[in-house]
Amino acid sequence: MLDNDSQGNLENAKSMSIIVTKGTLDWAYPPFILATTAAAMDINVTMFFTFYGLPLLNKNLDLKISTLGNPAMKMPMMGMHMAMPNIAPMIPGVDRLTTTMMKNLIKKKGVASIPELRDAAVDLDVRMIGCQMTMDLFEFDHKDMIEGIEIGGAATYMETAVKSDINLYI
């Protein structure tokens, strides 16, 4: 919670919606960090999980990282920051290696895991909507998703988004 002095800065920020479109380990962090931070600041948050973001609502997560198309990805190794060459993901096992390296770094630095952040979002009453069209398209089953989520379409999300003070697309 914020003290009274800080509360005045949030007068115009009472609700936030986030469209979550990506489900890799690195892309899962921004929406969950922003959602849980905002919810902890008494901002009503709605997250709409669609396309490749929808698997973040699966009970069992197996998040990975791909270096493909991510030239900015630099991992701290041997006292420096080493970039992965763009061709590296073509080598079998490289995505698993970079994923393991990232998970180890997250743990070493004490950063919350995505399951922990997702649990925090549930505890903070973040409204999570799984996209019905995406569920149908990719043949996801509601029973494989975490408890407490809603299933709805774009209209369900839009009902919230048009009233939100902050709208993010991640």
N, C-alpha and C. Protein backbone atom coordinates (compact mmCIF):
# COMPACT_ATOMS: atom_id res chain seq x y z
N MET A 1 0.83 -1.18 0.00
CA MET A 1 0.00 0.00 0.00
C MET A 1 0.87 1.25 0.00
N LEU A 2 0.34 2.31 -0.54
CA LEU A 2 1.07 3.56 -0.60
C LEU A 2 0.65 4.46 0.54
N ASP A 3 1.59 5.32 0.96
CA ASP A 3 1.22 6.30 1.98
C ASP A 3 0.39 7.41 1.33
N ASN A 4 -0.18 8.27 2.15
CA ASN A 4 -1.07 9.31 1.64
C ASN A 4 -0.37 10.26 0.68
N ASP A 5 0.92 10.54 0.92
CA ASP A 5 1.65 11.45 0.03
C ASP A 5 1.78 10.86 -1.36
N SER A 6 2.05 9.56 -1.46
CA SER A 6 2.22 8.92 -2.75
C SER A 6 0.89 8.70 -3.45
N GLN A 7 -0.18 8.53 -2.69
CA GLN A 7 -1.49 8.24 -3.25
C GLN A 7 -1.96 9.32 -4.22
N GLY A 8 -1.63 10.57 -3.94
CA GLY A 8 -2.03 11.66 -4.82
C GLY A 8 -1.49 11.52 -6.23
N ASN A 9 -0.35 10.85 -6.37
CA ASN A 9 0.24 10.65 -7.69
C ASN A 9 -0.54 9.65 -8.53
N LEU A 10 -1.41 8.88 -7.91
CA LEU A 10 -2.14 7.84 -8.62
C LEU A 10 -3.61 8.20 -8.86
N GLU A 11 -3.97 9.45 -8.63
CA GLU A 11 -5.37 9.83 -8.77
C GLU A 11 -5.96 9.45 -10.12
N ASN A 12 -5.20 9.54 -11.18
CA ASN A 12 -5.72 9.23 -12.51
C ASN A 12 -5.43 7.80 -12.95
N ALA A 13 -4.84 7.02 -12.10
CA ALA A 13 -4.48 5.65 -12.47
C ALA A 13 -5.18 4.66 -11.55
N LYS A 14 -6.43 4.38 -11.84
CA LYS A 14 -7.21 3.50 -10.98
C LYS A 14 -7.44 2.11 -11.58
N SER A 15 -7.21 1.98 -12.88
CA SER A 15 -7.39 0.67 -13.51
C SER A 15 -6.40 0.53 -14.66
N MET A 16 -6.02 -0.72 -14.91
CA MET A 16 -5.05 -1.01 -15.96
C MET A 16 -5.43 -2.32 -16.62
N SER A 17 -5.27 -2.36 -17.93
CA SER A 17 -5.47 -3.62 -18.65
C SER A 17 -4.20 -3.93 -19.43
N ILE A 18 -3.93 -5.22 -19.53
CA ILE A 18 -2.73 -5.67 -20.23
C ILE A 18 -3.13 -6.80 -21.17
N ILE A 19 -2.77 -6.67 -22.44
CA ILE A 19 -2.92 -7.77 -23.39
C ILE A 19 -1.61 -8.54 -23.39
N VAL A 20 -1.67 -9.82 -23.05
CA VAL A 20 -0.47 -10.66 -22.96
C VAL A 20 -0.45 -11.58 -24.18
N THR A 21 0.55 -11.38 -25.05
CA THR A 21 0.58 -12.10 -26.33
C THR A 21 1.75 -13.05 -26.50
N LYS A 22 2.66 -13.04 -25.55
CA LYS A 22 3.86 -13.88 -25.70
C LYS A 22 4.04 -14.76 -24.47
N GLY A 23 4.50 -15.98 -24.67
CA GLY A 23 4.58 -16.93 -23.58
C GLY A 23 5.96 -17.50 -23.32
N THR A 24 7.01 -16.84 -23.79
CA THR A 24 8.35 -17.33 -23.46
C THR A 24 8.73 -16.81 -22.08
N LEU A 25 9.74 -17.40 -21.49
CA LEU A 25 10.17 -17.03 -20.15
C LEU A 25 10.48 -15.54 -20.04
N ASP A 26 11.24 -15.02 -20.99
CA ASP A 26 11.62 -13.60 -20.91
C ASP A 26 10.43 -12.67 -21.15
N TRP A 27 9.49 -13.05 -21.99
CA TRP A 27 8.32 -12.20 -22.27
C TRP A 27 7.22 -12.36 -21.22
N ALA A 28 7.31 -13.37 -20.37
CA ALA A 28 6.31 -13.55 -19.32
C ALA A 28 6.52 -12.58 -18.16
N TYR A 29 7.74 -12.14 -17.97
CA TYR A 29 8.04 -11.27 -16.83
C TYR A 29 7.36 -9.89 -16.89
N PRO A 30 7.49 -9.13 -17.99
CA PRO A 30 6.91 -7.78 -17.97
C PRO A 30 5.43 -7.71 -17.59
N PRO A 31 4.54 -8.52 -18.19
CA PRO A 31 3.13 -8.36 -17.81
C PRO A 31 2.86 -8.74 -16.36
N PHE A 32 3.50 -9.79 -15.86
CA PHE A 32 3.25 -10.20 -14.47
C PHE A 32 3.86 -9.22 -13.47
N ILE A 33 5.03 -8.70 -13.76
CA ILE A 33 5.63 -7.71 -12.85
C ILE A 33 4.79 -6.44 -12.82
N LEU A 34 4.39 -5.96 -13.99
CA LEU A 34 3.57 -4.75 -14.03
C LEU A 34 2.21 -4.97 -13.38
N ALA A 35 1.60 -6.12 -13.63
CA ALA A 35 0.28 -6.40 -13.05
C ALA A 35 0.34 -6.50 -11.53
N THR A 36 1.30 -7.23 -11.01
CA THR A 36 1.38 -7.39 -9.55
C THR A 36 1.79 -6.10 -8.87
N THR A 37 2.66 -5.32 -9.49
CA THR A 37 3.04 -4.03 -8.92
C THR A 37 1.84 -3.10 -8.87
N ALA A 38 1.12 -3.01 -9.97
CA ALA A 38 -0.05 -2.13 -10.02
C ALA A 38 -1.11 -2.59 -9.02
N ALA A 39 -1.36 -3.88 -8.94
CA ALA A 39 -2.37 -4.40 -8.01
C ALA A 39 -1.96 -4.11 -6.57
N ALA A 40 -0.67 -4.20 -6.27
CA ALA A 40 -0.19 -3.89 -4.92
C ALA A 40 -0.35 -2.40 -4.61
N MET A 41 -0.49 -1.59 -5.64
CA MET A 41 -0.70 -0.15 -5.47
C MET A 41 -2.19 0.21 -5.55
N ASP A 42 -3.03 -0.78 -5.36
CA ASP A 42 -4.49 -0.61 -5.37
C ASP A 42 -5.06 -0.19 -6.72
N ILE A 43 -4.41 -0.60 -7.79
CA ILE A 43 -4.93 -0.37 -9.13
C ILE A 43 -5.62 -1.66 -9.56
N ASN A 44 -6.83 -1.55 -10.08
CA ASN A 44 -7.54 -2.72 -10.59
C ASN A 44 -6.90 -3.15 -11.90
N VAL A 45 -6.49 -4.41 -11.96
CA VAL A 45 -5.75 -4.90 -13.12
C VAL A 45 -6.50 -6.05 -13.78
N THR A 46 -6.59 -5.97 -15.10
CA THR A 46 -7.12 -7.06 -15.92
C THR A 46 -6.04 -7.46 -16.91
N MET A 47 -5.78 -8.76 -17.00
CA MET A 47 -4.84 -9.29 -17.97
C MET A 47 -5.62 -10.17 -18.96
N PHE A 48 -5.42 -9.93 -20.24
CA PHE A 48 -6.09 -10.71 -21.30
C PHE A 48 -5.02 -11.51 -22.02
N PHE A 49 -5.07 -12.83 -21.87
CA PHE A 49 -4.06 -13.73 -22.43
C PHE A 49 -4.56 -14.28 -23.76
N THR A 50 -3.84 -13.97 -24.83
CA THR A 50 -4.27 -14.39 -26.15
C THR A 50 -3.08 -14.95 -26.93
N PHE A 51 -3.37 -15.71 -27.93
CA PHE A 51 -2.39 -16.40 -28.76
C PHE A 51 -1.28 -17.01 -27.91
N TYR A 52 -0.02 -16.66 -28.14
CA TYR A 52 1.07 -17.35 -27.47
C TYR A 52 1.23 -16.96 -26.01
N GLY A 53 0.48 -15.99 -25.55
CA GLY A 53 0.45 -15.64 -24.14
C GLY A 53 -0.47 -16.53 -23.34
N LEU A 54 -1.45 -17.14 -23.99
CA LEU A 54 -2.43 -17.98 -23.29
C LEU A 54 -1.81 -19.14 -22.51
N PRO A 55 -0.77 -19.82 -23.00
CA PRO A 55 -0.18 -20.90 -22.22
C PRO A 55 0.38 -20.48 -20.86
N LEU A 56 0.54 -19.19 -20.62
CA LEU A 56 0.98 -18.74 -19.29
C LEU A 56 -0.07 -19.03 -18.23
N LEU A 57 -1.28 -19.38 -18.64
CA LEU A 57 -2.34 -19.74 -17.70
C LEU A 57 -2.43 -21.25 -17.47
N ASN A 58 -1.60 -22.02 -18.17
CA ASN A 58 -1.58 -23.47 -17.95
C ASN A 58 -1.12 -23.79 -16.54
N LYS A 59 -1.71 -24.81 -15.94
CA LYS A 59 -1.28 -25.25 -14.61
C LYS A 59 0.19 -25.61 -14.62
N ASN A 60 0.60 -26.35 -15.65
CA ASN A 60 2.00 -26.79 -15.75
C ASN A 60 2.72 -25.93 -16.78
N LEU A 61 3.69 -25.17 -16.29
CA LEU A 61 4.46 -24.30 -17.18
C LEU A 61 5.78 -24.95 -17.54
N ASP A 62 6.15 -24.83 -18.80
CA ASP A 62 7.48 -25.24 -19.26
C ASP A 62 7.99 -24.12 -20.14
N LEU A 63 8.36 -23.02 -19.49
CA LEU A 63 8.75 -21.82 -20.22
C LEU A 63 10.18 -21.92 -20.72
N LYS A 64 10.38 -21.43 -21.92
CA LYS A 64 11.70 -21.46 -22.54
C LYS A 64 12.05 -20.07 -23.06
N ILE A 65 13.29 -19.92 -23.44
CA ILE A 65 13.79 -18.70 -24.06
C ILE A 65 14.36 -19.08 -25.41
N SER A 66 14.18 -18.20 -26.38
CA SER A 66 14.83 -18.39 -27.67
C SER A 66 15.68 -17.15 -27.95
N THR A 67 16.89 -17.38 -28.39
CA THR A 67 17.76 -16.26 -28.75
C THR A 67 17.49 -15.79 -30.17
N LEU A 68 16.73 -16.55 -30.93
CA LEU A 68 16.44 -16.22 -32.32
C LEU A 68 15.75 -14.86 -32.41
N GLY A 69 16.30 -13.97 -33.18
CA GLY A 69 15.72 -12.64 -33.36
C GLY A 69 15.85 -11.75 -32.14
N ASN A 70 16.74 -12.08 -31.22
CA ASN A 70 16.92 -11.30 -30.01
C ASN A 70 18.39 -10.94 -29.85
N PRO A 71 18.91 -10.06 -30.70
CA PRO A 71 20.34 -9.72 -30.62
C PRO A 71 20.70 -8.96 -29.35
N ALA A 72 19.71 -8.42 -28.64
CA ALA A 72 20.00 -7.68 -27.41
C ALA A 72 20.22 -8.61 -26.23
N MET A 73 19.92 -9.89 -26.39
CA MET A 73 20.08 -10.83 -25.28
C MET A 73 21.56 -11.08 -25.02
N LYS A 74 21.99 -10.62 -23.86
CA LYS A 74 23.37 -10.83 -23.45
C LYS A 74 23.35 -11.42 -22.05
N MET A 75 24.05 -12.53 -21.89
CA MET A 75 24.10 -13.23 -20.62
C MET A 75 25.42 -12.94 -19.93
N PRO A 76 25.38 -12.69 -18.60
CA PRO A 76 26.64 -12.51 -17.88
C PRO A 76 27.39 -13.84 -17.78
N MET A 77 28.54 -13.89 -18.42
CA MET A 77 29.36 -15.11 -18.40
C MET A 77 30.83 -14.71 -18.38
N MET A 78 31.60 -15.40 -17.56
CA MET A 78 33.05 -15.21 -17.50
C MET A 78 33.43 -13.74 -17.29
N GLY A 79 32.66 -13.05 -16.45
CA GLY A 79 32.99 -11.67 -16.13
C GLY A 79 32.62 -10.64 -17.17
N MET A 80 31.88 -11.05 -18.20
CA MET A 80 31.46 -10.09 -19.23
C MET A 80 30.04 -10.45 -19.68
N HIS A 81 29.49 -9.68 -20.56
CA HIS A 81 28.17 -9.97 -21.11
C HIS A 81 28.36 -10.48 -22.54
N MET A 82 27.97 -11.72 -22.74
CA MET A 82 28.17 -12.34 -24.04
C MET A 82 26.83 -12.45 -24.77
N ALA A 83 26.81 -11.99 -26.01
CA ALA A 83 25.62 -12.09 -26.85
C ALA A 83 25.62 -13.44 -27.54
N MET A 84 24.43 -13.97 -27.72
CA MET A 84 24.29 -15.22 -28.46
C MET A 84 24.18 -14.88 -29.95
N PRO A 85 25.00 -15.48 -30.79
CA PRO A 85 24.87 -15.23 -32.23
C PRO A 85 23.48 -15.65 -32.71
N ASN A 86 22.96 -14.94 -33.67
CA ASN A 86 21.61 -15.22 -34.16
C ASN A 86 21.48 -16.62 -34.75
N ILE A 87 22.57 -17.20 -35.17
CA ILE A 87 22.52 -18.55 -35.75
C ILE A 87 22.48 -19.62 -34.65
N ALA A 88 22.82 -19.27 -33.43
CA ALA A 88 22.92 -20.24 -32.34
C ALA A 88 21.65 -21.07 -32.14
N PRO A 89 20.43 -20.51 -32.23
CA PRO A 89 19.24 -21.32 -31.99
C PRO A 89 19.05 -22.47 -32.98
N MET A 90 19.77 -22.42 -34.09
CA MET A 90 19.66 -23.50 -35.06
C MET A 90 20.40 -24.75 -34.58
N ILE A 91 21.26 -24.60 -33.62
CA ILE A 91 22.02 -25.73 -33.08
C ILE A 91 21.14 -26.44 -32.05
N PRO A 92 20.95 -27.74 -32.20
CA PRO A 92 20.10 -28.46 -31.25
C PRO A 92 20.57 -28.27 -29.80
N GLY A 93 19.62 -27.98 -28.93
CA GLY A 93 19.91 -27.85 -27.51
C GLY A 93 20.26 -26.45 -27.04
N VAL A 94 20.46 -25.51 -27.95
CA VAL A 94 20.87 -24.16 -27.55
C VAL A 94 19.74 -23.45 -26.81
N ASP A 95 18.50 -23.58 -27.28
CA ASP A 95 17.38 -22.94 -26.57
C ASP A 95 17.26 -23.49 -25.15
N ARG A 96 17.43 -24.80 -24.99
CA ARG A 96 17.36 -25.40 -23.65
C ARG A 96 18.52 -24.89 -22.79
N LEU A 97 19.70 -24.76 -23.38
CA LEU A 97 20.87 -24.26 -22.66
C LEU A 97 20.63 -22.82 -22.19
N THR A 98 20.16 -21.95 -23.09
CA THR A 98 19.92 -20.56 -22.70
C THR A 98 18.80 -20.46 -21.67
N THR A 99 17.80 -21.33 -21.79
CA THR A 99 16.72 -21.35 -20.80
C THR A 99 17.26 -21.74 -19.43
N THR A 100 18.08 -22.77 -19.39
CA THR A 100 18.68 -23.20 -18.12
C THR A 100 19.55 -22.10 -17.53
N MET A 101 20.34 -21.45 -18.38
CA MET A 101 21.19 -20.36 -17.90
C MET A 101 20.34 -19.24 -17.31
N MET A 102 19.24 -18.88 -17.99
CA MET A 102 18.39 -17.80 -17.50
C MET A 102 17.70 -18.19 -16.20
N LYS A 103 17.20 -19.41 -16.11
CA LYS A 103 16.54 -19.86 -14.88
C LYS A 103 17.53 -19.88 -13.72
N ASN A 104 18.76 -20.29 -13.97
CA ASN A 104 19.78 -20.27 -12.92
C ASN A 104 20.10 -18.84 -12.49
N LEU A 105 20.18 -17.93 -13.44
CA LEU A 105 20.44 -16.52 -13.13
C LEU A 105 19.29 -15.93 -12.31
N ILE A 106 18.07 -16.24 -12.69
CA ILE A 106 16.88 -15.76 -11.97
C ILE A 106 16.93 -16.24 -10.52
N LYS A 107 17.24 -17.51 -10.35
CA LYS A 107 17.31 -18.08 -9.00
C LYS A 107 18.46 -17.46 -8.20
N LYS A 108 19.62 -17.35 -8.83
CA LYS A 108 20.81 -16.80 -8.15
C LYS A 108 20.57 -15.36 -7.69
N LYS A 109 19.86 -14.58 -8.50
CA LYS A 109 19.62 -13.17 -8.18
C LYS A 109 18.38 -12.98 -7.30
N GLY A 110 17.69 -14.06 -6.97
CA GLY A 110 16.53 -13.96 -6.09
C GLY A 110 15.30 -13.35 -6.74
N VAL A 111 15.20 -13.44 -8.04
CA VAL A 111 14.04 -12.91 -8.77
C VAL A 111 12.92 -13.95 -8.68
N ALA A 112 11.71 -13.48 -8.45
CA ALA A 112 10.56 -14.39 -8.37
C ALA A 112 10.39 -15.13 -9.69
N SER A 113 9.96 -16.38 -9.59
CA SER A 113 9.69 -17.17 -10.79
C SER A 113 8.33 -16.74 -11.37
N ILE A 114 8.07 -17.14 -12.59
CA ILE A 114 6.76 -16.84 -13.19
C ILE A 114 5.63 -17.51 -12.40
N PRO A 115 5.76 -18.77 -11.98
CA PRO A 115 4.68 -19.32 -11.15
C PRO A 115 4.46 -18.53 -9.86
N GLU A 116 5.53 -18.03 -9.26
CA GLU A 116 5.38 -17.21 -8.05
C GLU A 116 4.68 -15.89 -8.36
N LEU A 117 5.06 -15.26 -9.46
CA LEU A 117 4.42 -14.00 -9.84
C LEU A 117 2.95 -14.22 -10.21
N ARG A 118 2.69 -15.34 -10.87
CA ARG A 118 1.30 -15.65 -11.24
C ARG A 118 0.47 -15.90 -9.99
N ASP A 119 1.03 -16.62 -9.02
CA ASP A 119 0.33 -16.82 -7.74
C ASP A 119 0.08 -15.50 -7.03
N ALA A 120 1.06 -14.61 -7.09
CA ALA A 120 0.90 -13.28 -6.48
C ALA A 120 -0.22 -12.52 -7.16
N ALA A 121 -0.31 -12.64 -8.48
CA ALA A 121 -1.39 -11.97 -9.22
C ALA A 121 -2.75 -12.50 -8.77
N VAL A 122 -2.84 -13.81 -8.57
CA VAL A 122 -4.10 -14.40 -8.08
C VAL A 122 -4.41 -13.85 -6.69
N ASP A 123 -3.40 -13.85 -5.81
CA ASP A 123 -3.59 -13.36 -4.44
C ASP A 123 -3.98 -11.89 -4.39
N LEU A 124 -3.52 -11.12 -5.38
CA LEU A 124 -3.80 -9.68 -5.43
C LEU A 124 -5.09 -9.38 -6.21
N ASP A 125 -5.84 -10.41 -6.54
CA ASP A 125 -7.12 -10.28 -7.26
C ASP A 125 -6.98 -9.65 -8.64
N VAL A 126 -5.88 -9.95 -9.33
CA VAL A 126 -5.76 -9.53 -10.72
C VAL A 126 -6.74 -10.38 -11.52
N ARG A 127 -7.54 -9.72 -12.33
CA ARG A 127 -8.51 -10.42 -13.18
C ARG A 127 -7.75 -10.96 -14.39
N MET A 128 -7.82 -12.27 -14.59
CA MET A 128 -7.13 -12.90 -15.71
C MET A 128 -8.15 -13.54 -16.63
N ILE A 129 -8.11 -13.13 -17.89
CA ILE A 129 -9.05 -13.63 -18.90
C ILE A 129 -8.27 -14.41 -19.95
N GLY A 130 -8.66 -15.65 -20.17
CA GLY A 130 -8.09 -16.44 -21.25
C GLY A 130 -8.95 -16.26 -22.49
N CYS A 131 -8.33 -16.04 -23.62
CA CYS A 131 -9.05 -15.78 -24.87
C CYS A 131 -9.73 -17.05 -25.37
N GLN A 132 -11.06 -16.98 -25.49
CA GLN A 132 -11.84 -18.13 -25.95
C GLN A 132 -11.45 -18.54 -27.36
N MET A 133 -11.28 -17.57 -28.26
CA MET A 133 -10.93 -17.89 -29.63
C MET A 133 -9.59 -18.63 -29.69
N THR A 134 -8.62 -18.17 -28.89
CA THR A 134 -7.31 -18.82 -28.87
C THR A 134 -7.43 -20.23 -28.29
N MET A 135 -8.26 -20.39 -27.27
CA MET A 135 -8.46 -21.72 -26.69
C MET A 135 -9.02 -22.66 -27.75
N ASP A 136 -9.99 -22.19 -28.50
CA ASP A 136 -10.59 -23.00 -29.56
C ASP A 136 -9.58 -23.27 -30.68
N LEU A 137 -8.86 -22.24 -31.09
CA LEU A 137 -7.92 -22.36 -32.19
C LEU A 137 -6.83 -23.38 -31.90
N PHE A 138 -6.24 -23.30 -30.71
CA PHE A 138 -5.14 -24.19 -30.36
C PHE A 138 -5.58 -25.42 -29.57
N GLU A 139 -6.90 -25.59 -29.43
CA GLU A 139 -7.50 -26.75 -28.76
C GLU A 139 -7.01 -26.92 -27.32
N PHE A 140 -6.99 -25.80 -26.57
CA PHE A 140 -6.68 -25.84 -25.15
C PHE A 140 -7.93 -26.24 -24.38
N ASP A 141 -7.74 -26.90 -23.26
CA ASP A 141 -8.86 -27.32 -22.42
C ASP A 141 -8.84 -26.50 -21.13
N HIS A 142 -10.00 -26.00 -20.74
CA HIS A 142 -10.12 -25.16 -19.54
C HIS A 142 -9.61 -25.89 -18.29
N LYS A 143 -9.75 -27.21 -18.24
CA LYS A 143 -9.30 -27.97 -17.07
C LYS A 143 -7.78 -27.95 -16.91
N ASP A 144 -7.06 -27.62 -17.98
CA ASP A 144 -5.59 -27.55 -17.91
C ASP A 144 -5.10 -26.19 -17.43
N MET A 145 -6.04 -25.25 -17.25
CA MET A 145 -5.68 -23.90 -16.85
C MET A 145 -5.78 -23.75 -15.32
N ILE A 146 -5.11 -22.73 -14.79
CA ILE A 146 -5.16 -22.48 -13.34
C ILE A 146 -6.58 -22.12 -12.93
N GLU A 147 -6.86 -22.30 -11.66
CA GLU A 147 -8.18 -21.97 -11.11
C GLU A 147 -8.38 -20.47 -11.09
N GLY A 148 -9.61 -20.06 -11.21
CA GLY A 148 -9.98 -18.67 -11.00
C GLY A 148 -9.88 -17.75 -12.20
N ILE A 149 -9.52 -18.30 -13.36
CA ILE A 149 -9.47 -17.42 -14.54
C ILE A 149 -10.84 -17.40 -15.20
N GLU A 150 -11.05 -16.36 -15.98
CA GLU A 150 -12.25 -16.26 -16.81
C GLU A 150 -11.88 -16.67 -18.23
N ILE A 151 -12.86 -17.10 -18.96
CA ILE A 151 -12.68 -17.35 -20.38
C ILE A 151 -13.61 -16.37 -21.10
N GLY A 152 -13.07 -15.63 -22.04
CA GLY A 152 -13.87 -14.66 -22.76
C GLY A 152 -13.18 -14.25 -24.04
N GLY A 153 -13.91 -13.53 -24.84
CA GLY A 153 -13.37 -13.09 -26.11
C GLY A 153 -12.92 -11.65 -26.08
N ALA A 154 -12.67 -11.13 -27.25
CA ALA A 154 -12.21 -9.75 -27.38
C ALA A 154 -13.23 -8.77 -26.79
N ALA A 155 -14.51 -9.06 -26.94
CA ALA A 155 -15.53 -8.15 -26.39
C ALA A 155 -15.45 -8.10 -24.86
N THR A 156 -15.16 -9.23 -24.24
CA THR A 156 -15.00 -9.26 -22.78
C THR A 156 -13.85 -8.37 -22.36
N TYR A 157 -12.75 -8.48 -23.09
CA TYR A 157 -11.60 -7.63 -22.78
C TYR A 157 -11.92 -6.16 -23.05
N MET A 158 -12.55 -5.89 -24.17
CA MET A 158 -12.83 -4.50 -24.55
C MET A 158 -13.74 -3.79 -23.55
N GLU A 159 -14.66 -4.53 -22.93
CA GLU A 159 -15.52 -3.93 -21.91
C GLU A 159 -14.69 -3.32 -20.79
N THR A 160 -13.58 -3.95 -20.48
CA THR A 160 -12.68 -3.44 -19.45
C THR A 160 -11.74 -2.39 -20.01
N ALA A 161 -11.17 -2.66 -21.17
CA ALA A 161 -10.16 -1.77 -21.75
C ALA A 161 -10.69 -0.36 -21.99
N VAL A 162 -11.94 -0.24 -22.44
CA VAL A 162 -12.46 1.09 -22.74
C VAL A 162 -12.65 1.93 -21.48
N LYS A 163 -12.68 1.27 -20.32
CA LYS A 163 -12.84 1.98 -19.05
C LYS A 163 -11.51 2.13 -18.30
N SER A 164 -10.45 1.52 -18.83
CA SER A 164 -9.17 1.52 -18.12
C SER A 164 -8.42 2.82 -18.32
N ASP A 165 -7.70 3.20 -17.27
CA ASP A 165 -6.86 4.39 -17.34
C ASP A 165 -5.54 4.10 -18.04
N ILE A 166 -5.09 2.87 -17.96
CA ILE A 166 -3.83 2.46 -18.57
C ILE A 166 -4.10 1.20 -19.37
N ASN A 167 -3.70 1.16 -20.63
CA ASN A 167 -3.81 -0.05 -21.47
C ASN A 167 -2.44 -0.36 -22.03
N LEU A 168 -2.00 -1.61 -21.82
CA LEU A 168 -0.68 -2.04 -22.29
C LEU A 168 -0.83 -3.26 -23.19
N TYR A 169 0.05 -3.34 -24.17
CA TYR A 169 0.11 -4.48 -25.09
C TYR A 169 1.51 -5.04 -24.97
N ILE A 170 1.60 -6.27 -24.46
CA ILE A 170 2.92 -6.87 -24.24
C ILE A 170 2.96 -8.23 -24.93
